Amino acid sequence: MLEGYRVGVLVEQGFEDSELVETVRAMSEAGAVVVVIGSGLRTSYRGKRGKARTEADATADGVRVDELDALVIPGGHAPDTMRLNEAMVRLVKSADAMGKIVAAICHGPQLLISADVVRGRRVTSWPSIAIDLANAGATWVDESVVQDGNLITAAKPVDLPRFNKAVIDALREKAMRMEGRAR
């Protein structure tokens, strides 16, 4: 299905366990190569609930965005730390500028705000950051999953199945467009 596609998943200490684990599983099961991208502050990261631990495959300043097809930002406490990491902010900003799929769930859109990629876009998130998104120029909506061009956002961990499906569908759609151009 997504063989040959590379999905970067950003990670920092305090990520929402299920949002990282379920996304990595869904992307891998769909055939994508998943690259866990850390801040570089450590090599091993623990989820905020203590149920998951992951190792980074690369660092944000060591990844080339042109080698990724999508970038996923799990929520939890991690995005608040990620948004202070210039390499992570640049990675998100570059991925969006290149039209790569950029997906964030729960508190993940905090990093989208710092990368200045939400202005004029329709998004959703955990309700407590709705005002931050609106102040950054986004149109926040109370929906489980929202897609605005290459940007996909989801509100809560319960939305993971729909969120992961939206990312996979967007990558499939991209693959079909590329196939059509190759003919």
C-alpha atoms as a PDB file:
ATOM      1  CA  MET A   1       0.000   0.000   0.000  1.00  0.00           C
ATOM      2  CA  LEU A   2       2.570   2.620   1.131  1.00  0.00           C
ATOM      3  CA  GLU A   3       5.735   0.713   0.242  1.00  0.00           C
ATOM      4  CA  GLY A   4       8.527   3.139  -0.511  1.00  0.00           C
ATOM      5  CA  TYR A   5       6.972   5.956   1.513  1.00  0.00           C
ATOM      6  CA  ARG A   6       8.759   7.430   4.531  1.00  0.00           C
ATOM      7  CA  VAL A   7       6.817   8.861   7.448  1.00  0.00           C
ATOM      8  CA  GLY A   8       8.659  10.865  10.086  1.00  0.00           C
ATOM      9  CA  VAL A   9       7.158  10.807  13.578  1.00  0.00           C
ATOM     10  CA  LEU A  10       8.448  13.504  15.920  1.00  0.00           C
ATOM     11  CA  VAL A  11       9.188  12.538  19.502  1.00  0.00           C
ATOM     12  CA  GLU A  12      10.219  14.219  22.733  1.00  0.00           C
ATOM     13  CA  GLN A  13       9.963  13.257  26.388  1.00  0.00           C
ATOM     14  CA  GLY A  14       6.331  13.155  27.570  1.00  0.00           C
ATOM     15  CA  PHE A  15       4.651  12.202  24.268  1.00  0.00           C
ATOM     16  CA  GLU A  16       1.094  10.830  24.484  1.00  0.00           C
ATOM     17  CA  ASP A  17       1.811   7.080  24.559  1.00  0.00           C
ATOM     18  CA  SER A  18      -1.046   5.873  22.361  1.00  0.00           C
ATOM     19  CA  GLU A  19      -0.608   8.645  19.796  1.00  0.00           C
ATOM     20  CA  LEU A  20       2.967   7.611  19.077  1.00  0.00           C
ATOM     21  CA  VAL A  21       2.542   3.829  19.389  1.00  0.00           C
ATOM     22  CA  GLU A  22      -0.693   3.564  17.384  1.00  0.00           C
ATOM     23  CA  THR A  23       0.534   5.892  14.638  1.00  0.00           C
ATOM     24  CA  VAL A  24       3.841   4.043  14.224  1.00  0.00           C
ATOM     25  CA  ARG A  25       1.919   0.746  14.109  1.00  0.00           C
ATOM     26  CA  ALA A  26      -0.651   1.988  11.574  1.00  0.00           C
ATOM     27  CA  MET A  27       1.957   3.497   9.243  1.00  0.00           C
ATOM     28  CA  SER A  28       4.165   0.389   9.453  1.00  0.00           C
ATOM     29  CA  GLU A  29       1.221  -1.950   8.824  1.00  0.00           C
ATOM     30  CA  ALA A  30       0.337   0.143   5.765  1.00  0.00           C
ATOM     31  CA  GLY A  31       3.855  -0.521   4.435  1.00  0.00           C
ATOM     32  CA  ALA A  32       5.515   2.826   5.118  1.00  0.00           C
ATOM     33  CA  VAL A  33       8.989   3.131   6.554  1.00  0.00           C
ATOM     34  CA  VAL A  34       8.642   4.993   9.860  1.00  0.00           C
ATOM     35  CA  VAL A  35      11.479   7.222  11.033  1.00  0.00           C
ATOM     36  CA  VAL A  36      11.212   8.288  14.678  1.00  0.00           C
ATOM     37  CA  ILE A  37      12.756  11.753  14.855  1.00  0.00           C
ATOM     38  CA  GLY A  38      13.944  13.057  18.217  1.00  0.00           C
ATOM     39  CA  SER A  39      15.104  16.445  19.352  1.00  0.00           C
ATOM     40  CA  GLY A  40      18.645  15.253  19.946  1.00  0.00           C
ATOM     41  CA  LEU A  41      18.455  16.055  23.647  1.00  0.00           C
ATOM     42  CA  ARG A  42      18.407  12.302  24.366  1.00  0.00           C
ATOM     43  CA  THR A  43      18.282   9.028  22.446  1.00  0.00           C
ATOM     44  CA  SER A  44      15.454   7.373  24.382  1.00  0.00           C
ATOM     45  CA  TYR A  45      12.080   8.970  25.093  1.00  0.00           C
ATOM     46  CA  ARG A  46       9.326   7.940  27.514  1.00  0.00           C
ATOM     47  CA  GLY A  47       5.617   8.587  27.129  1.00  0.00           C
ATOM     48  CA  LYS A  48       3.784  10.737  29.653  1.00  0.00           C
ATOM     49  CA  ARG A  49       1.785   7.754  30.893  1.00  0.00           C
ATOM     50  CA  GLY A  50       4.925   5.617  31.269  1.00  0.00           C
ATOM     51  CA  LYS A  51       3.480   2.836  29.088  1.00  0.00           C
ATOM     52  CA  ALA A  52       5.682   3.452  26.043  1.00  0.00           C
ATOM     53  CA  ARG A  53       9.334   4.110  25.441  1.00  0.00           C
ATOM     54  CA  THR A  54      10.975   4.662  22.077  1.00  0.00           C
ATOM     55  CA  GLU A  55      14.388   5.225  20.598  1.00  0.00           C
ATOM     56  CA  ALA A  56      14.983   7.934  18.014  1.00  0.00           C
ATOM     57  CA  ASP A  57      16.148   6.778  14.581  1.00  0.00           C
ATOM     58  CA  ALA A  58      17.347  10.286  13.726  1.00  0.00           C
ATOM     59  CA  THR A  59      17.465  13.832  15.052  1.00  0.00           C
ATOM     60  CA  ALA A  60      15.500  16.764  13.700  1.00  0.00           C
ATOM     61  CA  ASP A  61      18.656  18.527  12.562  1.00  0.00           C
ATOM     62  CA  GLY A  62      19.942  15.324  10.928  1.00  0.00           C
ATOM     63  CA  VAL A  63      16.887  14.577   8.771  1.00  0.00           C
ATOM     64  CA  ARG A  64      16.371  15.877   5.261  1.00  0.00           C
ATOM     65  CA  VAL A  65      12.735  16.819   4.772  1.00  0.00           C
ATOM     66  CA  ASP A  66      12.920  15.957   1.070  1.00  0.00           C
ATOM     67  CA  GLU A  67      13.462  12.319   2.099  1.00  0.00           C
ATOM     68  CA  LEU A  68      10.113  12.235   3.942  1.00  0.00           C
ATOM     69  CA  ASP A  69       6.612  11.954   2.518  1.00  0.00           C
ATOM     70  CA  ALA A  70       4.812  12.879   5.728  1.00  0.00           C
ATOM     71  CA  LEU A  71       5.538  14.243   9.171  1.00  0.00           C
ATOM     72  CA  VAL A  72       3.401  13.312  12.197  1.00  0.00           C
ATOM     73  CA  ILE A  73       3.345  15.147  15.525  1.00  0.00           C
ATOM     74  CA  PRO A  74       1.878  13.183  18.453  1.00  0.00           C
ATOM     75  CA  GLY A  75       0.505  15.140  21.393  1.00  0.00           C
ATOM     76  CA  GLY A  76       1.011  14.907  25.114  1.00  0.00           C
ATOM     77  CA  HIS A  77       3.444  17.220  26.874  1.00  0.00           C
ATOM     78  CA  ALA A  78       6.069  16.732  24.150  1.00  0.00           C
ATOM     79  CA  PRO A  79       4.883  19.399  21.658  1.00  0.00           C
ATOM     80  CA  ASP A  80       5.370  22.116  24.262  1.00  0.00           C
ATOM     81  CA  THR A  81       9.054  21.119  24.425  1.00  0.00           C
ATOM     82  CA  MET A  82       9.340  20.459  20.673  1.00  0.00           C
ATOM     83  CA  ARG A  83       8.209  23.999  19.875  1.00  0.00           C
ATOM     84  CA  LEU A  84      11.321  25.328  21.651  1.00  0.00           C
ATOM     85  CA  ASN A  85      13.612  23.212  19.449  1.00  0.00           C
ATOM     86  CA  GLU A  86      14.557  25.250  16.358  1.00  0.00           C
ATOM     87  CA  ALA A  87      15.439  22.149  14.321  1.00  0.00           C
ATOM     88  CA  MET A  88      11.972  20.675  14.909  1.00  0.00           C
ATOM     89  CA  VAL A  89      10.271  23.981  14.089  1.00  0.00           C
ATOM     90  CA  ARG A  90      12.309  24.274  10.862  1.00  0.00           C
ATOM     91  CA  LEU A  91      11.503  20.677   9.916  1.00  0.00           C
ATOM     92  CA  VAL A  92       7.753  21.297  10.241  1.00  0.00           C
ATOM     93  CA  LYS A  93       7.949  24.630   8.409  1.00  0.00           C
ATOM     94  CA  SER A  94       9.974  23.073   5.562  1.00  0.00           C
ATOM     95  CA  ALA A  95       7.703  20.027   5.274  1.00  0.00           C
ATOM     96  CA  ASP A  96       4.660  22.277   4.974  1.00  0.00           C
ATOM     97  CA  ALA A  97       6.378  24.587   2.444  1.00  0.00           C
ATOM     98  CA  MET A  98       7.231  21.544   0.297  1.00  0.00           C
ATOM     99  CA  GLY A  99       3.608  20.345   0.391  1.00  0.00           C
ATOM    100  CA  LYS A 100       4.452  17.247   2.434  1.00  0.00           C
ATOM    101  CA  ILE A 101       1.674  15.834   4.555  1.00  0.00           C
ATOM    102  CA  VAL A 102       1.958  17.363   8.019  1.00  0.00           C
ATOM    103  CA  ALA A 103      -0.280  15.765  10.637  1.00  0.00           C
ATOM    104  CA  ALA A 104      -0.744  16.657  14.310  1.00  0.00           C
ATOM    105  CA  ILE A 105      -3.028  15.286  16.994  1.00  0.00           C
ATOM    106  CA  CYS A 106      -4.167  16.528  20.397  1.00  0.00           C
ATOM    107  CA  HIS A 107      -1.518  19.055  21.604  1.00  0.00           C
ATOM    108  CA  GLY A 108       0.624  18.449  18.480  1.00  0.00           C
ATOM    109  CA  PRO A 109      -0.686  21.647  16.837  1.00  0.00           C
ATOM    110  CA  GLN A 110       1.326  23.646  19.398  1.00  0.00           C
ATOM    111  CA  LEU A 111       4.332  22.887  17.194  1.00  0.00           C
ATOM    112  CA  LEU A 112       2.354  23.944  14.101  1.00  0.00           C
ATOM    113  CA  ILE A 113       1.777  27.336  15.757  1.00  0.00           C
ATOM    114  CA  SER A 114       5.498  27.825  16.381  1.00  0.00           C
ATOM    115  CA  ALA A 115       6.248  26.824  12.787  1.00  0.00           C
ATOM    116  CA  ASP A 116       3.695  29.439  11.642  1.00  0.00           C
ATOM    117  CA  VAL A 117       1.836  27.035   9.340  1.00  0.00           C
ATOM    118  CA  VAL A 118      -1.740  27.407  10.648  1.00  0.00           C
ATOM    119  CA  ARG A 119      -2.523  30.978   9.567  1.00  0.00           C
ATOM    120  CA  GLY A 120      -5.622  30.932   7.340  1.00  0.00           C
ATOM    121  CA  ARG A 121      -6.089  27.182   7.745  1.00  0.00           C
ATOM    122  CA  ARG A 122      -8.907  25.107   9.226  1.00  0.00           C
ATOM    123  CA  VAL A 123      -7.720  22.906  12.120  1.00  0.00           C
ATOM    124  CA  THR A 124      -8.767  21.026  15.232  1.00  0.00           C
ATOM    125  CA  SER A 125      -6.927  20.068  18.423  1.00  0.00           C
ATOM    126  CA  TRP A 126      -7.341  19.339  22.096  1.00  0.00           C
ATOM    127  CA  PRO A 127      -9.877  22.003  23.190  1.00  0.00           C
ATOM    128  CA  SER A 128      -7.497  23.813  25.570  1.00  0.00           C
ATOM    129  CA  ILE A 129      -5.275  25.023  22.710  1.00  0.00           C
ATOM    130  CA  ALA A 130      -8.143  26.192  20.485  1.00  0.00           C
ATOM    131  CA  ILE A 131      -7.579  29.803  21.571  1.00  0.00           C
ATOM    132  CA  ASP A 132      -3.843  29.530  20.795  1.00  0.00           C
ATOM    133  CA  LEU A 133      -4.624  28.285  17.297  1.00  0.00           C
ATOM    134  CA  ALA A 134      -7.180  31.062  16.745  1.00  0.00           C
ATOM    135  CA  ASN A 135      -4.645  33.644  17.971  1.00  0.00           C
ATOM    136  CA  ALA A 136      -2.155  32.203  15.452  1.00  0.00           C
ATOM    137  CA  GLY A 137      -4.640  32.871  12.644  1.00  0.00           C
ATOM    138  CA  ALA A 138      -6.230  29.442  12.259  1.00  0.00           C
ATOM    139  CA  THR A 139      -9.910  28.672  12.081  1.00  0.00           C
ATOM    140  CA  TRP A 140     -10.419  26.150  14.887  1.00  0.00           C
ATOM    141  CA  VAL A 141     -13.349  23.727  14.584  1.00  0.00           C
ATOM    142  CA  ASP A 142     -14.706  21.218  17.079  1.00  0.00           C
ATOM    143  CA  GLU A 143     -14.360  18.128  14.884  1.00  0.00           C
ATOM    144  CA  SER A 144     -12.480  14.888  15.385  1.00  0.00           C
ATOM    145  CA  VAL A 145     -10.302  15.064  12.239  1.00  0.00           C
ATOM    146  CA  VAL A 146      -9.796  17.981   9.854  1.00  0.00           C
ATOM    147  CA  GLN A 147      -7.846  18.101   6.608  1.00  0.00           C
ATOM    148  CA  ASP A 148      -6.914  21.417   5.011  1.00  0.00           C
ATOM    149  CA  GLY A 149      -4.713  20.729   2.002  1.00  0.00           C
ATOM    150  CA  ASN A 150      -1.595  18.932   3.195  1.00  0.00           C
ATOM    151  CA  LEU A 151      -2.371  19.664   6.861  1.00  0.00           C
ATOM    152  CA  ILE A 152      -4.234  17.019   8.897  1.00  0.00           C
ATOM    153  CA  THR A 153      -5.210  17.599  12.527  1.00  0.00           C
ATOM    154  CA  ALA A 154      -7.117  15.549  15.084  1.00  0.00           C
ATOM    155  CA  ALA A 155      -8.538  16.411  18.477  1.00  0.00           C
ATOM    156  CA  LYS A 156      -8.030  13.529  20.914  1.00  0.00           C
ATOM    157  CA  PRO A 157      -6.529  10.055  21.365  1.00  0.00           C
ATOM    158  CA  VAL A 158      -9.976   8.543  20.754  1.00  0.00           C
ATOM    159  CA  ASP A 159      -9.693   9.948  17.200  1.00  0.00           C
ATOM    160  CA  LEU A 160      -6.549   7.931  16.407  1.00  0.00           C
ATOM    161  CA  PRO A 161      -8.205   5.423  14.035  1.00  0.00           C
ATOM    162  CA  ARG A 162      -9.687   8.243  11.897  1.00  0.00           C
ATOM    163  CA  PHE A 163      -6.480  10.311  12.154  1.00  0.00           C
ATOM    164  CA  ASN A 164      -4.241   7.443  11.018  1.00  0.00           C
ATOM    165  CA  LYS A 165      -6.659   6.581   8.212  1.00  0.00           C
ATOM    166  CA  ALA A 166      -6.629  10.220   7.039  1.00  0.00           C
ATOM    167  CA  VAL A 167      -2.807  10.225   6.902  1.00  0.00           C
ATOM    168  CA  ILE A 168      -2.717   6.891   5.057  1.00  0.00           C
ATOM    169  CA  ASP A 169      -5.438   8.018   2.623  1.00  0.00           C
ATOM    170  CA  ALA A 170      -3.578  11.285   1.947  1.00  0.00           C
ATOM    171  CA  LEU A 171      -0.382   9.327   1.177  1.00  0.00           C
ATOM    172  CA  ARG A 172      -2.320   6.946  -1.105  1.00  0.00           C
ATOM    173  CA  GLU A 173      -3.871   9.908  -2.901  1.00  0.00           C
ATOM    174  CA  LYS A 174      -0.410  11.397  -3.370  1.00  0.00           C
ATOM    175  CA  ALA A 175       0.819   8.061  -4.751  1.00  0.00           C
ATOM    176  CA  MET A 176      -2.055   7.932  -7.260  1.00  0.00           C
ATOM    177  CA  ARG A 177      -1.337  11.495  -8.407  1.00  0.00           C
ATOM    178  CA  MET A 178       2.340  10.642  -8.871  1.00  0.00           C
ATOM    179  CA  GLU A 179       1.420   7.480 -10.775  1.00  0.00           C
ATOM    180  CA  GLY A 180      -0.864   9.493 -13.060  1.00  0.00           C
ATOM    181  CA  ARG A 181       1.969  11.925 -13.853  1.00  0.00           C
ATOM    182  CA  ALA A 182       4.370   9.067 -14.643  1.00  0.00           C
ATOM    183  CA  ARG A 183       2.095   7.682 -17.375  1.00  0.00           C
END
